Protein backbone atom coordinates (compact mmCIF):
# COMPACT_ATOMS: atom_id res chain seq x y z
CA MET A 1 -14.62 -20.31 6.20
CA ALA A 2 -16.86 -20.00 9.25
CA ASP A 3 -17.72 -16.75 11.01
CA VAL A 4 -15.48 -16.49 14.04
CA SER A 5 -15.15 -14.35 17.11
CA VAL A 6 -11.79 -12.66 17.43
CA THR A 7 -10.06 -12.25 20.78
CA VAL A 8 -6.85 -10.25 20.71
CA GLN A 9 -4.24 -11.30 23.24
CA GLU A 10 -1.89 -8.64 24.59
CA PRO A 11 1.79 -9.38 23.85
CA ALA A 12 3.83 -10.03 26.98
CA SER A 13 6.51 -7.53 25.98
CA GLU A 14 6.95 -4.85 23.34
CA ASP A 15 10.62 -5.70 22.89
CA GLU A 16 10.03 -8.86 20.86
CA LEU A 17 7.23 -10.48 18.95
CA PRO A 18 5.99 -13.76 20.43
CA GLU A 19 6.08 -16.54 17.86
CA GLU A 20 2.45 -17.48 18.43
CA LEU A 21 1.33 -14.01 17.39
CA LEU A 22 3.22 -13.93 14.14
CA GLY A 23 1.31 -14.08 10.90
CA SER A 24 -2.30 -14.15 12.11
CA GLN A 25 -4.67 -12.40 14.41
CA ALA A 26 -4.93 -14.14 17.75
CA GLY A 27 -7.87 -16.52 17.84
CA GLU A 28 -8.50 -16.28 14.11
CA LYS A 29 -7.24 -18.15 11.08
CA SER A 30 -5.06 -15.78 9.07
CA ASP A 31 -6.74 -14.31 6.00
CA TYR A 32 -3.42 -14.89 4.22
CA GLN A 33 -4.22 -18.58 4.42
CA LEU A 34 -7.69 -18.21 2.96
CA ASP A 35 -8.73 -21.47 1.37
CA GLU A 36 -9.22 -20.24 -2.17
CA SER A 37 -10.50 -23.63 -3.27
CA ALA A 38 -13.62 -23.26 -1.12
CA THR A 39 -16.76 -23.43 -3.22
CA GLU A 40 -19.33 -22.60 -0.56
CA LYS A 41 -20.64 -19.06 -0.21
CA ASN A 42 -19.52 -17.68 3.11
CA HIS A 43 -20.48 -14.29 4.48
CA LEU A 44 -19.21 -12.06 7.22
CA VAL A 45 -21.73 -9.31 6.76
CA GLY A 46 -21.07 -5.77 7.98
CA VAL A 47 -23.69 -3.39 9.30
CA GLY A 48 -26.42 -2.92 6.73
CA ALA A 49 -24.59 -4.92 4.07
CA GLY A 50 -26.49 -5.76 0.93
CA LYS A 51 -29.22 -3.11 1.19
CA PRO A 52 -29.96 -1.98 -2.37
CA LEU A 53 -29.56 1.66 -3.35
CA GLU A 54 -32.42 2.69 -5.57
CA GLN A 55 -31.05 6.01 -6.84
CA SER A 56 -28.16 8.37 -6.48
CA PRO A 57 -28.57 10.96 -3.73
CA TYR A 58 -26.99 13.45 -6.12
CA SER A 59 -29.71 12.97 -8.73
CA GLU A 60 -32.04 15.17 -6.65
CA THR A 61 -33.10 18.49 -8.07
CA ALA A 62 -30.98 21.46 -7.10
CA GLN A 63 -33.84 22.84 -5.00
CA LYS A 64 -34.19 19.64 -2.95
CA GLN A 65 -30.43 19.46 -2.45
CA GLN A 66 -30.38 23.07 -1.22
CA GLU A 67 -33.23 22.31 1.18
CA LYS A 68 -31.33 19.29 2.49
CA GLU A 69 -28.17 21.33 3.07
CA SER A 70 -30.00 24.25 4.69
CA GLN A 71 -31.48 21.87 7.27
CA ASN A 72 -28.06 20.36 7.99
CA PRO A 73 -25.32 22.85 7.06
CA PRO A 74 -22.31 20.94 5.68
CA ASP A 75 -18.71 21.40 6.72
CA ASP A 76 -16.42 22.98 4.15
CA PHE A 77 -13.93 20.11 4.64
CA GLU A 78 -15.21 16.56 4.91
CA VAL A 79 -13.19 13.36 5.24
CA VAL A 80 -15.13 10.11 5.53
CA VAL A 81 -13.68 6.58 5.74
CA VAL A 82 -15.91 3.50 5.66
CA THR A 83 -15.44 -0.27 5.65
CA SER A 84 -17.14 -3.38 4.29
CA ARG A 85 -16.30 -6.89 5.44
CA ASN A 86 -18.83 -8.43 3.10
CA TRP A 87 -17.50 -11.42 1.17
CA GLU A 88 -19.51 -10.74 -2.00
CA ALA A 89 -18.24 -7.97 -4.27
CA ARG A 90 -21.56 -6.43 -5.24
CA GLU A 91 -22.86 -6.36 -1.69
CA ALA A 92 -19.56 -4.87 -0.52
CA GLY A 93 -19.87 -2.13 -3.14
CA GLN A 94 -23.43 -1.39 -2.03
CA GLU A 95 -22.35 -1.19 1.59
CA ILE A 96 -19.43 1.12 0.83
CA ALA A 97 -21.62 3.40 -1.30
CA ARG A 98 -24.42 3.55 1.24
CA LYS A 99 -22.12 4.30 4.18
CA LEU A 100 -20.38 7.09 2.27
CA HIS A 101 -23.73 8.57 1.30
CA GLU A 102 -24.99 8.47 4.86
CA LYS A 103 -21.93 10.24 6.29
CA LEU A 104 -21.25 12.80 3.55
CA LYS A 105 -23.04 16.14 3.29
CA HIS A 106 -21.43 17.14 -0.02
CA GLN A 107 -20.63 15.41 -3.27
CA PRO A 108 -17.00 14.34 -2.71
CA LYS A 109 -14.14 15.74 -4.74
CA PHE A 110 -12.62 12.25 -4.92
CA ILE A 111 -12.86 8.71 -3.55
CA LEU A 112 -9.98 6.38 -2.66
CA LEU A 113 -11.00 2.70 -2.72
CA PHE A 114 -8.89 -0.27 -1.63
CA THR A 115 -9.87 -3.92 -1.45
CA THR A 116 -8.24 -7.24 -0.73
CA ILE A 117 -7.65 -9.72 -3.51
CA HIS A 118 -10.33 -12.19 -2.39
CA TYR A 119 -13.02 -10.31 -4.37
CA GLU A 120 -11.36 -11.68 -7.50
CA LYS A 121 -13.17 -14.95 -6.72
CA TYR A 122 -16.28 -13.49 -5.11
CA GLY A 123 -17.77 -11.56 -7.99
CA GLY A 124 -14.76 -9.59 -9.21
CA PHE A 125 -13.87 -5.95 -8.66
CA GLN A 126 -16.11 -4.44 -11.32
CA PRO A 127 -19.35 -4.83 -9.33
CA ILE A 128 -17.82 -2.85 -6.44
CA LEU A 129 -17.03 0.07 -8.76
CA ASP A 130 -20.42 -0.20 -10.46
CA GLU A 131 -22.29 0.00 -7.17
CA ILE A 132 -20.34 3.04 -6.05
CA TYR A 133 -21.14 4.81 -9.31
CA ASN A 134 -24.80 3.86 -8.95
CA VAL A 135 -24.75 6.32 -6.06
CA PHE A 136 -22.13 8.90 -7.02
CA PRO A 137 -21.93 10.74 -10.36
CA GLU A 138 -19.30 9.87 -12.92
CA GLU A 139 -17.48 13.18 -12.49
CA VAL A 140 -16.29 12.07 -9.04
CA PRO A 141 -12.82 10.55 -9.59
CA LEU A 142 -12.13 7.19 -7.96
CA VAL A 143 -8.60 5.87 -7.52
CA GLY A 144 -7.37 2.75 -5.71
CA GLY A 145 -6.43 -0.88 -6.06
CA THR A 146 -5.82 -4.17 -4.29
CA VAL A 147 -3.81 -4.27 -1.08
CA ALA A 148 -2.78 -6.89 1.48
CA GLY A 149 -5.03 -5.28 4.08
CA PHE A 150 -5.89 -1.99 5.70
CA MET A 151 -6.47 -0.17 8.96
CA ASN A 152 -8.82 2.65 9.74
CA GLN A 153 -10.65 4.14 12.70
CA GLU A 154 -12.79 0.97 12.87
CA GLY A 155 -10.03 -1.66 13.09
CA VAL A 156 -7.45 -3.80 11.28
CA TYR A 157 -8.51 -5.97 8.33
CA ALA A 158 -6.81 -8.51 6.07
CA ARG A 159 -10.03 -9.00 4.10
CA GLY A 160 -12.62 -6.54 2.87
CA ALA A 161 -12.83 -3.08 1.33
CA SER A 162 -12.34 0.45 2.63
CA ALA A 163 -12.97 3.82 1.02
CA MET A 164 -12.02 7.39 1.83
CA ALA A 165 -14.11 10.22 0.39
CA VAL A 166 -12.95 13.83 0.63
CA TYR A 167 -14.68 17.14 -0.02
CA SER A 168 -13.30 20.65 0.19
CA GLU A 169 -14.41 23.76 -1.64
CA LYS A 170 -10.72 24.74 -1.63
CA MET A 171 -9.65 21.73 -3.71
CA ASP A 172 -9.54 20.87 -7.43
CA VAL A 173 -8.74 17.41 -8.75
CA ALA A 174 -7.31 15.87 -11.94
CA MET A 175 -6.62 12.22 -12.74
CA GLY A 176 -4.44 10.36 -15.23
CA ILE A 177 -3.70 6.74 -16.17
CA GLY A 178 -0.56 5.13 -17.62
CA HIS A 179 -0.47 1.55 -18.89
CA ASP A 180 2.09 -1.24 -19.30
CA ILE A 181 4.51 0.03 -16.67
CA LYS A 182 6.59 -3.15 -16.54
CA ARG A 183 7.17 -3.04 -20.29
CA ASP A 184 7.83 0.66 -20.97
CA GLN A 185 8.12 2.90 -17.92
CA LYS A 186 8.79 6.18 -19.73
CA ARG A 187 5.87 5.74 -22.10
CA ALA A 188 3.58 4.98 -19.15
CA ALA A 189 4.79 8.14 -17.42
CA SER A 190 4.17 10.24 -20.53
CA GLU A 191 0.71 8.78 -20.90
CA VAL A 192 -0.34 9.47 -17.32
CA LEU A 193 0.99 13.03 -17.44
CA LYS A 194 -1.15 14.00 -20.45
CA LYS A 195 -4.27 14.33 -18.29
CA ILE A 196 -2.71 16.32 -15.45
CA VAL A 197 -0.22 18.74 -17.05
CA GLU A 198 -2.88 21.17 -18.31
CA PRO A 199 -4.91 21.31 -15.05
CA LEU A 200 -1.65 21.88 -13.17
CA ALA A 201 -0.67 24.74 -15.47
CA GLN A 202 -4.08 26.40 -15.15
CA SER A 203 -4.48 25.97 -11.40
CA SER A 204 -4.26 28.99 -9.13
CA ARG A 205 -4.18 26.87 -5.96
CA LYS A 206 -1.11 27.33 -3.79
CA ASN A 207 -0.41 23.63 -3.03
CA VAL A 208 -0.21 20.53 -5.19
CA VAL A 209 0.24 16.94 -4.07
CA ILE A 210 -0.19 13.83 -6.21
CA ILE A 211 -1.40 10.48 -4.91
CA ASP A 212 -0.02 7.64 -7.04
CA ILE A 213 -1.25 4.05 -7.11
CA ILE A 214 1.08 1.86 -9.14
CA SER A 215 1.34 -1.81 -10.00
CA GLY A 216 3.82 -3.64 -7.77
CA VAL A 217 6.13 -6.60 -8.17
CA THR A 218 4.62 -9.91 -9.22
CA VAL A 219 6.39 -13.25 -9.36
CA PRO A 220 5.74 -15.87 -12.05
CA SER A 221 4.00 -18.80 -10.41
CA ILE A 222 5.16 -22.40 -10.30
CA PRO A 223 2.45 -25.10 -10.06
CA GLY A 224 2.14 -26.44 -6.51
CA MET A 225 3.93 -23.46 -4.90
CA LYS A 226 2.09 -20.57 -3.24
CA ARG A 227 4.99 -18.15 -3.58
CA ILE A 228 8.68 -18.39 -4.43
CA VAL A 229 10.85 -17.06 -1.62
CA VAL A 230 13.84 -19.39 -1.41
CA ILE A 231 15.69 -21.13 -4.26
CA ARG A 232 18.67 -23.06 -2.93
CA ASN A 233 20.00 -24.40 -6.22
CA LYS A 234 22.42 -21.79 -7.56
CA ILE A 235 21.94 -22.66 -11.23
CA LEU A 236 18.16 -22.53 -10.92
CA ALA A 237 18.42 -19.33 -8.88
CA ASN A 238 20.52 -17.54 -11.50
CA LEU A 239 18.21 -18.78 -14.24
CA SER A 240 15.23 -17.51 -12.25
CA MET A 241 16.76 -14.03 -12.01
CA LEU A 242 17.19 -13.94 -15.79
CA ILE A 243 13.66 -15.24 -16.37
CA LEU A 244 12.27 -12.61 -13.98
CA LYS A 245 13.81 -9.79 -16.03
CA ILE A 246 12.62 -11.27 -19.33
CA SER A 247 9.15 -11.92 -17.89
CA SER A 248 8.91 -8.32 -16.64
CA ILE A 249 9.51 -6.91 -20.11
CA PHE A 250 7.63 -9.35 -22.32
CA PHE A 251 4.85 -10.68 -20.08
CA GLN A 252 4.62 -7.86 -17.49
CA LYS A 253 5.02 -10.41 -14.73
CA GLY A 254 7.92 -9.45 -12.53
CA ILE A 255 9.70 -6.36 -11.22
CA GLY A 256 7.57 -3.22 -11.14
CA ARG A 257 10.37 -0.65 -11.62
CA GLU A 258 8.18 1.95 -9.97
CA GLU A 259 11.14 4.29 -9.44
CA VAL A 260 11.63 4.76 -13.20
CA VAL A 261 7.98 5.74 -13.72
CA LEU A 262 7.81 7.99 -10.67
CA ASN A 263 11.12 9.75 -11.27
CA GLU A 264 10.03 10.48 -14.84
CA ILE A 265 6.80 11.99 -13.49
CA LYS A 266 8.62 14.00 -10.82
CA ASN A 267 11.11 15.40 -13.30
CA LYS A 268 8.31 16.58 -15.60
CA ILE A 269 6.07 18.22 -12.97
CA GLY A 270 8.80 20.08 -11.07
CA LYS A 271 10.25 20.11 -7.59
CA THR A 272 7.49 22.05 -5.86
CA VAL A 273 4.98 19.20 -6.15
CA GLY A 274 4.79 16.39 -3.60
CA LEU A 275 4.07 12.75 -4.48
CA PHE A 276 2.77 10.05 -2.18
CA GLY A 277 1.58 6.53 -2.85
CA GLY A 278 2.14 2.81 -2.91
CA SER A 279 2.28 -0.32 -5.03
CA THR A 280 -0.69 -2.63 -5.37
CA MET A 281 -0.48 -6.26 -4.27
CA ASP A 282 -2.42 -9.40 -3.38
CA ASN A 283 -2.41 -11.37 -0.11
CA VAL A 284 1.43 -11.35 0.09
CA VAL A 285 1.72 -14.11 -2.53
CA PHE A 286 2.96 -11.57 -5.13
CA SER A 287 1.22 -13.30 -8.02
CA ARG A 288 -1.10 -10.49 -9.23
CA SER A 289 -2.54 -7.09 -8.37
CA TYR A 290 -5.06 -4.59 -9.74
CA GLU A 291 -5.50 -0.83 -9.94
CA PHE A 292 -8.81 1.08 -10.00
CA ALA A 293 -9.49 4.23 -12.00
CA ASN A 294 -13.09 5.47 -12.00
CA LYS A 295 -15.13 2.56 -13.41
CA SER A 296 -12.12 0.65 -14.75
CA VAL A 297 -10.22 -2.29 -13.26
CA LEU A 298 -6.62 -2.23 -14.52
CA LYS A 299 -3.41 -4.26 -14.36
CA ASN A 300 0.21 -3.14 -14.74
CA SER A 301 -0.83 0.50 -14.60
CA VAL A 302 -0.13 3.71 -12.73
CA VAL A 303 -2.96 6.01 -11.68
CA LEU A 304 -2.34 9.58 -10.51
CA LEU A 305 -4.79 11.66 -8.49
CA THR A 306 -3.61 15.27 -8.52
CA LEU A 307 -4.91 17.40 -5.65
CA MET A 308 -4.63 21.16 -6.16
CA SER A 309 -5.76 23.01 -3.04
CA ASP A 310 -5.32 25.93 -0.69
CA ILE A 311 -4.94 23.51 2.21
CA ASN A 312 -1.50 22.79 3.59
CA TYR A 313 -0.12 19.27 3.40
CA GLU A 314 2.76 17.35 4.90
CA ILE A 315 4.52 14.12 3.90
CA LYS A 316 6.39 12.06 6.48
CA GLY A 317 8.25 8.75 6.35
CA ALA A 318 9.46 6.39 9.08
CA HIS A 319 10.78 2.85 9.41
CA GLY A 320 12.07 2.25 12.95
CA PHE A 321 15.33 0.49 12.07
CA LYS A 322 18.64 1.38 13.71
CA GLN A 323 22.19 0.78 12.53
CA ARG A 324 23.95 -2.04 14.38
CA ASP A 325 27.35 -0.37 14.07
CA ASP A 326 29.04 2.30 11.97
CA LYS A 327 30.54 -0.10 9.41
CA TYR A 328 29.68 -0.17 5.70
CA TYR A 329 30.35 -2.99 3.24
CA SER A 330 30.84 -2.97 -0.53
CA ILE A 331 28.20 -4.67 -2.68
CA THR A 332 27.42 -5.58 -6.25
CA THR A 333 23.83 -5.50 -7.46
CA GLY A 334 21.64 -6.83 -10.27
CA ALA A 335 18.06 -7.06 -11.58
CA TRP A 336 17.59 -3.28 -11.73
CA ASN A 337 19.06 -2.88 -8.23
CA ARG A 338 16.54 -5.27 -6.64
CA VAL A 339 19.24 -7.83 -5.85
CA ILE A 340 22.48 -7.80 -3.87
CA ALA A 341 24.72 -10.38 -5.52
CA THR A 342 27.83 -9.99 -3.32
CA ILE A 343 28.84 -8.36 -0.06
CA ASP A 344 32.57 -7.71 0.20
CA SER A 345 33.11 -10.00 -2.82
CA GLU A 346 31.38 -12.97 -1.12
CA SER A 347 27.92 -14.47 -1.65
CA ALA A 348 25.43 -11.93 -0.31
CA VAL A 349 23.25 -14.51 1.44
CA LYS A 350 26.25 -16.25 3.01
CA GLU A 351 27.71 -12.96 4.32
CA TYR A 352 24.33 -11.79 5.59
CA LEU A 353 23.65 -15.00 7.53
CA ASN A 354 27.19 -15.07 8.90
CA ARG A 355 26.85 -11.53 10.15
CA PHE A 356 24.02 -12.63 12.45
CA ASN A 357 25.53 -16.07 13.19
CA TRP A 358 22.53 -17.74 11.57
CA SER A 359 22.43 -21.10 9.85
CA TYR A 360 20.83 -21.59 6.44
CA ASP A 361 18.60 -24.11 8.24
CA LEU A 362 16.66 -21.12 9.61
CA VAL A 363 15.62 -20.14 6.09
CA ASN A 364 12.02 -21.29 5.68
CA GLU A 365 9.42 -20.35 3.07
CA ASN A 366 6.59 -20.00 5.59
CA THR A 367 8.35 -17.84 8.19
CA PHE A 368 10.81 -16.00 5.94
CA HIS A 369 9.36 -12.50 6.18
CA ARG A 370 8.50 -12.76 9.85
CA ARG A 371 12.04 -13.83 10.71
CA PHE A 372 14.16 -11.54 8.55
CA ILE A 373 12.09 -8.35 8.70
CA PHE A 374 13.76 -7.31 11.97
CA ASN A 375 17.37 -7.56 10.71
CA PRO A 376 17.69 -6.14 7.19
CA VAL A 377 20.58 -4.46 5.48
CA GLY A 378 20.42 -0.70 5.01
CA PHE A 379 21.65 1.92 2.57
CA LEU A 380 21.97 5.67 2.33
CA ASP A 381 19.56 7.19 -0.17
CA SER A 382 20.33 10.14 -2.46
CA GLU A 383 19.66 12.56 0.40
CA GLY A 384 21.94 10.69 2.80
CA LYS A 385 19.09 9.21 4.83
CA LEU A 386 19.32 5.64 6.10
CA GLN A 387 16.74 3.32 4.52
CA PRO A 388 16.02 -0.42 4.97
CA PHE A 389 16.50 -3.01 2.24
CA VAL A 390 14.61 -5.96 3.69
CA ALA A 391 15.07 -9.45 2.27
CA GLY A 392 12.13 -10.57 0.17
CA GLY A 393 13.83 -13.82 -0.81
CA PHE A 394 17.09 -15.72 -1.17
CA PHE A 395 17.75 -16.90 -4.73
CA GLY A 396 20.92 -18.98 -4.44
CA GLY A 397 23.49 -16.56 -3.07
CA ASN A 398 21.42 -13.50 -4.09
CA TYR A 399 19.76 -11.36 -1.43
CA VAL A 400 16.54 -10.22 -3.14
CA GLY A 401 14.70 -7.09 -1.98
CA GLY A 402 11.29 -5.72 -2.89
CA GLY A 403 12.40 -2.26 -3.99
CA PRO A 404 15.49 -0.64 -5.48
CA ILE A 405 18.69 -0.17 -3.46
CA GLN A 406 20.87 2.89 -4.02
CA GLY A 407 24.64 3.13 -4.00
CA ASN A 408 27.32 0.44 -3.68
CA LYS A 409 27.58 0.10 0.10
CA ILE A 410 25.32 -1.35 2.79
CA CYS A 411 25.25 -1.52 6.56
CA TYR A 412 23.35 -3.85 8.89
CA LEU A 413 20.19 -2.75 10.65
CA GLN A 414 18.10 -4.09 13.49
CA ALA A 415 14.78 -3.35 15.17
CA THR A 416 12.69 -4.74 18.00
CA GLY A 417 8.93 -5.02 17.89
CA LYS A 418 8.79 -1.89 20.03
CA ASP A 419 10.97 0.05 17.56
CA LEU A 420 8.68 -0.78 14.65
CA LEU A 421 5.56 -0.13 16.69
CA GLU A 422 6.77 3.33 17.66
CA THR A 423 7.00 4.46 14.04
CA ALA A 424 3.35 5.46 14.44
CA ASP A 425 4.42 7.95 17.10
CA GLN A 426 6.93 9.49 14.68
CA LEU A 427 4.21 10.22 12.13
CA ILE A 428 1.48 11.82 14.19
CA GLU A 429 1.36 14.38 16.98
CA GLU A 430 -0.35 14.15 20.36
CA THR A 431 -3.15 16.32 18.97
CA ASN A 432 -4.01 16.58 15.28
CA PRO A 433 -6.22 18.99 13.32
CA LYS A 434 -9.12 17.80 11.22
CA GLY A 435 -7.96 16.63 7.80
CA VAL A 436 -6.91 13.83 5.49
CA TYR A 437 -4.68 11.22 7.16
CA PHE A 438 -3.68 8.68 4.52
CA PHE A 439 -0.92 6.18 5.34
CA THR A 440 1.06 3.55 3.44
CA TYR A 441 2.20 0.57 5.50
CA CYS A 442 4.19 -2.28 4.00
CA GLY A 443 2.35 -5.58 3.57
CA SER A 444 5.31 -7.37 5.13
CA ARG A 445 4.67 -5.44 8.34
CA LEU A 446 1.03 -6.50 8.28
CA GLU A 447 2.03 -10.14 7.79
CA ALA A 448 4.87 -10.18 10.33
CA PHE A 449 3.14 -8.20 13.10
CA GLY A 450 0.04 -10.37 13.40
CA ALA A 451 -2.00 -9.18 16.39
CA TRP A 452 0.48 -6.37 17.03
CA ASN A 453 -1.15 -4.52 14.14
CA TYR A 454 -3.98 -3.80 16.57
CA LYS A 455 -1.56 -1.84 18.76
CA VAL A 456 -0.55 0.27 15.75
CA GLN A 457 -4.20 0.94 14.94
CA GLU A 458 -4.99 1.78 18.57
CA ARG A 459 -2.18 4.34 18.70
CA LEU A 460 -3.39 6.02 15.54
CA ALA A 461 -7.04 6.03 16.59
CA SER A 462 -6.33 7.35 20.10
CA ARG A 463 -4.31 10.28 18.78
CA LEU A 464 -6.17 11.17 15.60
CA LYS A 465 -9.73 10.86 16.98
CA GLN A 466 -11.09 11.08 13.43
CA ASP A 467 -11.40 9.01 10.27
CA PHE A 468 -8.14 7.80 8.72
CA LEU A 469 -6.95 5.14 6.28
CA VAL A 470 -3.83 2.95 6.25
CA ILE A 471 -3.21 0.67 3.25
CA SER A 472 -0.78 -2.26 3.19
CA THR A 473 1.22 -2.16 -0.01
CA THR A 474 4.04 -4.13 -1.61
CA GLY A 475 6.12 -0.95 -1.81
CA GLU A 476 5.82 2.61 -0.57
CA ASN A 477 6.89 5.82 -2.24
CA TYR A 478 6.93 9.52 -1.54
CA CYS A 479 8.62 12.72 -2.60
CA GLN A 480 8.54 15.78 -0.40
CA PRO A 481 8.54 19.16 -2.19
CA GLY A 482 12.12 19.96 -3.16
CA GLY A 483 13.27 16.44 -2.28
CA ASP A 484 14.16 13.27 -4.15
CA MET A 485 11.81 10.43 -5.00
CA LYS A 486 11.91 7.57 -2.49
CA VAL A 487 10.73 4.09 -3.47
CA LEU A 488 11.00 1.86 -0.42
CA THR A 489 9.72 -1.25 1.34
CA VAL A 490 8.86 -2.09 4.96
CA THR A 491 8.22 1.56 5.82
CA PHE A 492 5.32 3.48 7.35
CA ASN A 493 4.44 6.83 5.77
CA LEU A 494 1.86 9.59 6.03
CA LEU A 495 0.21 12.10 3.74
CA LYS A 496 -1.51 14.71 5.91
CA ILE A 497 -3.74 17.38 4.35
CA ALA A 498 -4.95 19.73 7.08
């Protein structure tokens, strides 16, 4: 893939998304269509990429470190976000580590690291972690995983790596890992809690929030097909639903069931603790994903980063969808509530398409998410709040979503491009104090918005005026203190620590 210059065209109107802007950045081949068969080494090198780091800055003697800090007094609360667009994993890791080192004045309390899936074929993920720990000591926890893309104060990216490092003398940190979440959710939850229950019990800090990174849905691949979105044959569709459940349990390839893991965690830690996180993914193919925990690259895991601090935090969620009318319709569900089988006793797909006067001819593998993201069905969650259940696929007559639906009734939702764009305004104020601003943003939004993602990033950057990080996940989750666990898709959410 050649190095290209990107020119972003302004959309003519914020009320609808022009077709030519859907799915890729204007003037640039979409990174979702990366030619993975390419054998040539191609580089888009960021500033200072590839410069070797000879030793850790934190290996200095205590005296030298004190001298360094006395010359440049550090802040008591540091939040640093950096980016690498380097194609090669090791060089990307070096760039991330060097940039963090250059901007930080303290050893961080933790690092969040997110990368796109392309590093799987450009050296793997391990070299990135190794290079970061060549600079930072092993006691610094690192949590993260693969995502469809990310935004930060520097821009919008569907390829590369981004890290957030945070220091505060008013913060303590604990980390836990649970394995095999698609096979045994409760055991994974018990495993991950072992490492955080004791630090929580001993902590004297007034606030606790947990960042969770959890393996998302993956779909068994079929040779010759990039991703399975539409299966028209009803027999094959029903068989596929059965295979997906069996595959999830026995081969850990299928439905993530994040809500089972996260609800188990929430019930054990109590109602006063907040949770915030997202599900790992690839480049919206849904074939594989990875989680990072310190020096380890994991699959089918959940990683918890528990932040105990005297700093206030806030969790917000938004989606931008509005109810078309006040009517609700009865449904039947399947596949652990990921599928609507019928709406008012009729085929769910047939009823859904009829509701919008759409023909099945509009259903296309390549434009599926960009077309149907603006007109999903909705449901009321356990707190009575309206949430979207966006179509991730049509399997025969089954309307397949990415996350779990609650209840036995749905309504119909709609949104314009402007509605979805303005969710950023619902999350942040006109002026914002210095702090951690960590967002989850559904990968389907990243794919469907194309160049409009730049407008989202511009709104965040113009208001925040500081480092921030947005990750594009296959599912988003959060639990406000005293509230219920929400596991959703196609939403935009914020964890603010300030």
